[in-house]
């Protein structure tokens, strides 16, 4: 008998055109979280920032369980399963920001000398919970963004872009605390040369031997150094860059899938389609219909989709 899949909800939100943040604020978010859901996980289509002003309970992110209390905050990328469960009878006050960080980083920030796909990979790699006591700078930053969204003072959209840029860097720095996230500043100079070459020449045919030569290493040494630094193989990184470019091209330009295939460096549509689906979980045409998003379908779960939660009136 087939094993019954766990249930999980996809709670999606719509961010207004021309904006990057959807705030969910106010008294409606003061409630007993998780009641009646029996610990069922859910995920969103945007990065979620949550701030707990008061209350206590459990926060589950994938297979990790945290205890939250007053003045704790969460940073949970799109498509990361999680849930918040208040202690029984405990009314907790949270407020949330849903952020299209991918679009902001791609469209608004200058990452001279860094690989944008790698920046996005870092920010979207793992959800976490922190406290204002131990990470006061980023905690105060989140509260400043919430205040800006609530008051909407003069030039608030421009102010939010500045806060978001600081938040993006703050998340990158938080991720550097984890041994598994040895990215960007911790990538050695050999690997940085290879990353820059891929970013500039992804349309061309790239061999691992070429990258090794650029880095001044033997191919075997380069492969080992690259995997230790990046937690992926060189070919996987090349594919990630090409597919990221393809995703953006499909959404922003009116071009055929075959044209996209060749413009991002693939020799055949079949190879392009196979790699595209392996990384996004959907075909290029499905991506075009659905818009830019991380396409992981979390196939180990029975997924149901519904409009994102709103606060309780």
Protein backbone atom coordinates (compact mmCIF):
# COMPACT_ATOMS: atom_id res chain seq x y z
CA UNK A 1 0.00 0.00 0.00
CA UNK A 2 1.43 3.40 -1.00
CA UNK A 3 2.51 5.65 1.83
CA UNK A 4 0.03 8.46 2.39
CA UNK A 5 1.56 11.84 1.63
CA UNK A 6 1.60 14.57 4.24
CA UNK A 7 -0.64 17.51 3.48
CA UNK A 8 0.80 20.93 2.84
CA UNK A 9 -0.68 24.24 1.71
CA UNK A 10 0.67 26.70 -0.83
CA UNK A 11 -0.50 30.12 0.40
CA UNK A 12 0.14 32.64 -2.32
CA UNK A 13 -0.04 36.42 -2.30
CA UNK A 14 -0.17 39.10 -5.00
CA UNK A 15 2.21 42.06 -4.66
CA UNK A 16 0.92 45.17 -6.46
CA UNK A 17 2.68 45.97 -9.73
CA UNK A 18 5.63 48.32 -9.28
CA UNK A 19 6.12 47.40 -5.62
CA UNK A 20 8.29 44.85 -3.86
CA UNK A 21 6.63 44.50 -0.44
CA UNK A 22 3.19 43.34 0.67
CA UNK A 23 2.78 44.20 4.38
CA UNK A 24 0.39 42.24 6.60
CA UNK A 25 0.03 44.40 9.68
CA UNK A 26 -2.41 45.28 12.43
CA UNK A 27 -4.54 43.71 15.11
CA UNK A 28 -5.79 40.95 12.80
CA UNK A 29 -2.45 39.21 13.19
CA UNK A 30 -2.80 38.92 16.97
CA UNK A 31 -4.12 35.40 17.43
CA UNK A 32 -3.48 31.81 18.53
CA UNK A 33 -1.48 30.50 15.57
CA UNK A 34 -1.83 26.99 14.21
CA UNK A 35 -5.09 26.20 15.98
CA UNK A 36 -7.06 23.60 14.02
CA UNK A 37 -4.26 22.90 11.53
CA UNK A 38 -2.61 20.04 13.43
CA UNK A 39 0.88 21.22 12.59
CA UNK A 40 0.33 21.23 8.81
CA UNK A 41 3.13 23.03 6.98
CA UNK A 42 2.65 25.65 4.30
CA UNK A 43 4.81 27.71 1.95
CA UNK A 44 4.51 30.97 0.04
CA UNK A 45 5.44 32.40 -3.35
CA UNK A 46 7.50 35.22 -1.80
CA UNK A 47 10.09 35.62 0.93
CA UNK A 48 8.34 36.03 4.28
CA UNK A 49 9.63 38.19 7.12
CA UNK A 50 7.74 37.69 10.38
CA UNK A 51 8.18 39.67 13.61
CA UNK A 52 6.79 38.45 16.95
CA UNK A 53 6.09 41.30 19.38
CA UNK A 54 4.76 39.09 22.14
CA UNK A 55 3.75 35.47 22.68
CA UNK A 56 5.36 32.07 22.71
CA UNK A 57 5.17 28.83 20.78
CA UNK A 58 6.89 26.64 18.24
CA UNK A 59 8.11 27.56 14.80
CA UNK A 60 8.75 24.71 12.37
CA UNK A 61 10.92 25.36 9.31
CA UNK A 62 11.26 22.23 7.18
CA UNK A 63 12.50 19.63 9.70
CA UNK A 64 13.80 22.10 12.30
CA UNK A 65 11.83 23.19 15.38
CA UNK A 66 12.47 26.51 17.15
CA UNK A 67 10.96 28.07 20.28
CA UNK A 68 9.82 31.62 19.68
CA UNK A 69 9.16 34.28 22.31
CA UNK A 70 8.88 38.07 22.43
CA UNK A 71 11.02 40.04 19.98
CA UNK A 72 11.97 37.16 17.71
CA UNK A 73 11.82 37.33 13.93
CA UNK A 74 11.82 34.93 11.01
CA UNK A 75 13.31 35.08 7.51
CA UNK A 76 11.77 32.37 5.32
CA UNK A 77 12.37 32.30 1.55
CA UNK A 78 9.70 31.34 -0.99
CA UNK A 79 8.78 27.66 -1.15
CA UNK A 80 10.34 26.79 2.23
CA UNK A 81 7.80 24.71 4.24
CA UNK A 82 7.06 26.13 7.69
CA UNK A 83 4.36 26.81 10.25
CA UNK A 84 3.84 28.74 13.48
CA UNK A 85 2.11 27.06 16.44
CA UNK A 86 1.23 29.13 19.51
CA UNK A 87 1.44 27.57 22.95
CA UNK A 88 -2.05 26.43 23.87
CA UNK A 89 -4.27 29.37 24.76
CA UNK A 90 -1.46 31.84 24.01
CA UNK A 91 -2.45 34.87 21.91
CA UNK A 92 0.61 35.93 19.93
CA UNK A 93 1.12 39.19 18.09
CA UNK A 94 2.99 38.81 14.80
CA UNK A 95 3.26 41.07 11.77
CA UNK A 96 4.51 40.00 8.36
CA UNK A 97 6.18 41.33 5.22
CA UNK A 98 6.02 39.39 1.96
CA UNK A 99 8.87 40.52 -0.30
CA UNK A 100 9.67 39.86 -3.96
CA UNK A 101 13.37 39.82 -3.14
CA UNK A 102 14.35 38.14 -6.42
CA UNK A 103 12.86 40.97 -8.49
CA UNK A 104 14.34 43.62 -6.19
CA UNK A 105 17.86 42.19 -6.24
CA UNK A 106 17.75 41.68 -10.01
CA UNK A 107 16.19 45.01 -10.91
CA UNK A 108 17.31 47.50 -8.29
CA UNK A 109 20.72 46.52 -6.91
CA UNK A 110 24.20 46.75 -8.42
CA UNK A 111 26.22 43.64 -7.60
CA UNK A 112 29.46 44.60 -9.31
CA UNK A 113 31.95 41.76 -8.89
CA UNK A 114 29.39 39.29 -7.58
CA UNK A 115 27.24 36.71 -9.33
CA UNK A 116 23.54 37.62 -9.10
CA UNK A 117 22.41 33.95 -9.38
CA UNK A 118 24.74 33.12 -6.49
CA UNK A 119 23.41 36.05 -4.42
CA UNK A 120 19.86 34.80 -5.00
CA UNK A 121 20.89 31.23 -4.22
CA UNK A 122 22.28 32.37 -0.86
CA UNK A 123 19.25 34.41 0.14
CA UNK A 124 16.79 31.71 -0.90
CA UNK A 125 18.70 28.74 0.49
CA UNK A 126 17.34 28.37 4.01
CA UNK A 127 14.81 29.78 6.44
CA UNK A 128 15.79 30.85 9.94
CA UNK A 129 14.59 32.43 13.20
CA UNK A 130 16.59 34.99 15.16
CA UNK A 131 16.04 37.23 18.18
CA UNK A 132 16.36 40.99 18.45
CA UNK A 133 18.53 40.42 21.53
CA UNK A 134 21.18 38.51 19.57
CA UNK A 135 20.71 40.15 16.16
CA UNK A 136 19.61 43.63 17.09
CA UNK A 137 20.73 45.38 13.91
CA UNK A 138 18.60 43.31 11.56
CA UNK A 139 15.74 43.20 14.08
CA UNK A 140 15.64 47.01 14.20
CA UNK A 141 15.86 47.09 10.41
CA UNK A 142 12.77 44.89 10.07
CA UNK A 143 10.88 47.13 12.52
CA UNK A 144 11.93 50.18 10.48
CA UNK A 145 10.54 48.61 7.29
CA UNK A 146 7.29 47.73 9.08
CA UNK A 147 7.01 51.31 10.36
CA UNK A 148 7.61 52.70 6.86
CA UNK A 149 4.91 50.41 5.43
CA UNK A 150 2.49 51.43 8.18
CA UNK A 151 2.97 55.21 8.03
CA UNK A 152 3.67 55.67 4.29
CA UNK A 153 5.43 59.00 4.76
CA UNK A 154 6.69 61.20 1.94
CA UNK A 155 8.85 59.26 -0.53
CA UNK A 156 8.13 56.02 1.30
CA UNK A 157 8.58 53.88 -1.82
CA UNK A 158 12.07 55.29 -2.30
CA UNK A 159 12.78 54.80 1.41
CA UNK A 160 11.65 51.19 1.21
CA UNK A 161 14.12 50.49 -1.60
CA UNK A 162 16.93 51.70 0.64
CA UNK A 163 15.74 49.56 3.55
CA UNK A 164 15.37 46.53 1.26
CA UNK A 165 18.92 46.89 -0.04
CA UNK A 166 20.19 46.93 3.55
CA UNK A 167 17.98 43.95 4.39
CA UNK A 168 19.35 41.94 1.45
CA UNK A 169 22.91 42.50 2.68
CA UNK A 170 21.80 41.70 6.24
CA UNK A 171 20.37 38.35 5.15
CA UNK A 172 23.56 37.53 3.25
CA UNK A 173 25.59 38.28 6.36
CA UNK A 174 23.30 36.17 8.53
CA UNK A 175 23.74 33.27 6.13
CA UNK A 176 27.50 33.50 6.47
CA UNK A 177 27.10 32.34 10.07
CA UNK A 178 26.19 28.91 8.76
CA UNK A 179 28.96 26.56 7.72
CA UNK A 180 26.81 25.26 4.87
CA UNK A 181 26.54 28.75 3.31
CA UNK A 182 30.12 29.46 2.30
CA UNK A 183 29.27 31.85 -0.52
CA UNK A 184 30.22 35.25 -1.99
CA UNK A 185 32.91 36.72 0.31
CA UNK A 186 34.08 33.27 1.39
CA UNK A 187 34.59 31.94 -2.12
CA UNK A 188 38.31 31.92 -2.79
CA UNK A 189 39.90 33.85 -5.63
CA UNK A 190 40.27 30.75 -7.83
CA UNK A 191 36.53 30.10 -7.77
CA UNK A 192 35.65 33.79 -8.10
CA UNK A 193 37.48 33.92 -11.45
CA UNK A 194 35.47 30.92 -12.65
CA UNK A 195 32.17 32.43 -11.49
CA UNK A 196 32.90 35.70 -13.27
CA UNK A 197 33.79 33.82 -16.45
CA UNK A 198 30.53 31.83 -16.39
CA UNK A 199 28.53 35.02 -15.78
CA UNK A 200 30.12 36.68 -18.81
CA UNK A 201 30.28 33.69 -21.19
CA UNK A 202 27.28 31.46 -20.31
CA UNK A 203 26.04 31.72 -23.91
CA UNK A 204 29.19 30.00 -25.13
CA UNK A 205 30.15 26.35 -24.77
CA UNK A 206 31.97 26.07 -21.44
CA UNK A 207 34.07 23.08 -20.40
CA UNK A 208 35.21 22.45 -16.84
CA UNK A 209 38.76 22.24 -18.20
CA UNK A 210 38.38 25.85 -19.41
CA UNK A 211 37.37 27.01 -15.93
CA UNK A 212 40.25 25.09 -14.35
CA UNK A 213 42.71 26.75 -16.73
CA UNK A 214 41.29 30.21 -15.95
CA UNK A 215 41.66 29.47 -12.25
CA UNK A 216 45.21 28.21 -12.62
CA UNK A 217 44.39 24.79 -11.17
CA UNK A 218 44.45 21.24 -12.46
CA UNK A 219 41.00 20.03 -13.46
CA UNK A 220 40.77 17.56 -10.57
CA UNK A 221 41.91 20.19 -8.04
CA UNK A 222 39.51 22.74 -9.50
CA UNK A 223 36.54 20.36 -9.31
CA UNK A 224 37.32 19.56 -5.66
CA UNK A 225 37.87 23.21 -4.70
CA UNK A 226 34.72 24.34 -6.52
CA UNK A 227 32.48 21.73 -4.87
CA UNK A 228 33.91 22.47 -1.42
CA UNK A 229 33.31 26.21 -1.85
CA UNK A 230 29.99 26.15 -3.70
CA UNK A 231 28.34 22.93 -2.54
CA UNK A 232 27.59 22.10 -6.17
CA UNK A 233 29.46 20.84 -9.21
CA UNK A 234 30.76 23.29 -11.86
CA UNK A 235 28.30 21.95 -14.46
CA UNK A 236 25.42 22.44 -12.02
CA UNK A 237 26.46 26.06 -11.52
CA UNK A 238 26.67 26.68 -15.28
CA UNK A 239 23.16 25.27 -15.66
CA UNK A 240 21.88 27.40 -12.78
CA UNK A 241 23.18 30.58 -14.41
CA UNK A 242 21.75 29.66 -17.82
CA UNK A 243 18.34 28.71 -16.47
CA UNK A 244 18.19 31.85 -14.33
CA UNK A 245 18.82 33.92 -17.45
CA UNK A 246 16.21 31.90 -19.33
CA UNK A 247 13.59 32.43 -16.63
CA UNK A 248 14.07 36.18 -16.77
CA UNK A 249 14.07 36.22 -20.58
CA UNK A 250 10.87 34.18 -20.81
CA UNK A 251 8.98 36.56 -18.55
CA UNK A 252 10.37 39.85 -19.89
CA UNK A 253 10.58 39.19 -23.64
CA UNK A 254 8.21 37.87 -26.30
CA UNK A 255 10.48 35.15 -27.70
CA UNK A 256 10.05 31.52 -28.64
CA UNK A 257 11.33 28.80 -26.30
CA UNK A 258 13.73 27.67 -29.03
CA UNK A 259 15.25 31.16 -29.23
CA UNK A 260 15.63 31.24 -25.46
CA UNK A 261 17.36 27.85 -25.59
CA UNK A 262 20.10 29.06 -27.92
CA UNK A 263 20.43 32.51 -26.35
CA UNK A 264 21.33 31.04 -22.96
CA UNK A 265 23.92 28.63 -24.32
CA UNK A 266 22.17 25.30 -24.92
CA UNK A 267 22.81 23.41 -28.14
CA UNK A 268 19.47 21.56 -28.29
CA UNK A 269 15.94 22.31 -27.03
CA UNK A 270 15.73 18.87 -25.42
CA UNK A 271 18.74 19.59 -23.20
CA UNK A 272 17.35 23.03 -22.37
CA UNK A 273 13.93 21.64 -21.45
CA UNK A 274 15.43 18.87 -19.32
CA UNK A 275 17.66 21.23 -17.35
CA UNK A 276 14.93 23.85 -17.02
CA UNK A 277 12.49 21.39 -15.46
CA UNK A 278 15.17 19.87 -13.23
CA UNK A 279 15.89 23.27 -11.67
CA UNK A 280 12.45 24.89 -11.60
CA UNK A 281 10.09 21.93 -11.43
CA UNK A 282 8.18 23.08 -14.52
CA UNK A 283 8.58 23.40 -18.27
CA UNK A 284 9.55 26.71 -19.90
CA UNK A 285 5.98 27.15 -21.17
CA UNK A 286 4.57 26.55 -17.68
CA UNK A 287 6.99 29.14 -16.34
CA UNK A 288 5.87 31.65 -18.99
CA UNK A 289 2.22 31.15 -18.03
CA UNK A 290 2.88 31.36 -14.31
CA UNK A 291 5.37 34.23 -14.23
CA UNK A 292 8.76 34.43 -12.49
CA UNK A 293 8.84 32.22 -9.39
CA UNK A 294 10.83 29.44 -7.83
CA UNK A 295 9.17 26.34 -9.30
CA UNK A 296 9.88 23.71 -6.65
CA UNK A 297 6.76 21.59 -6.36
CA UNK A 298 7.86 19.70 -3.24
CA UNK A 299 6.76 16.36 -4.69
CA UNK A 300 6.97 14.51 -1.38
CA UNK A 301 3.80 16.29 -0.28
CA UNK A 302 0.19 16.53 -1.36
CA UNK A 303 -0.03 20.24 -2.19
CA UNK A 304 -3.14 22.38 -2.06
CA UNK A 305 -3.04 26.02 -3.12
CA UNK A 306 -5.08 28.81 -1.60
CA UNK A 307 -4.96 32.58 -1.36
CA UNK A 308 -2.64 33.67 1.44
CA UNK A 309 -4.01 34.16 4.94
CA UNK A 310 -5.42 37.47 6.05
CA UNK A 311 -5.58 38.74 9.59
CA UNK A 312 -8.53 37.92 11.84
CA UNK A 313 -10.92 40.82 12.15
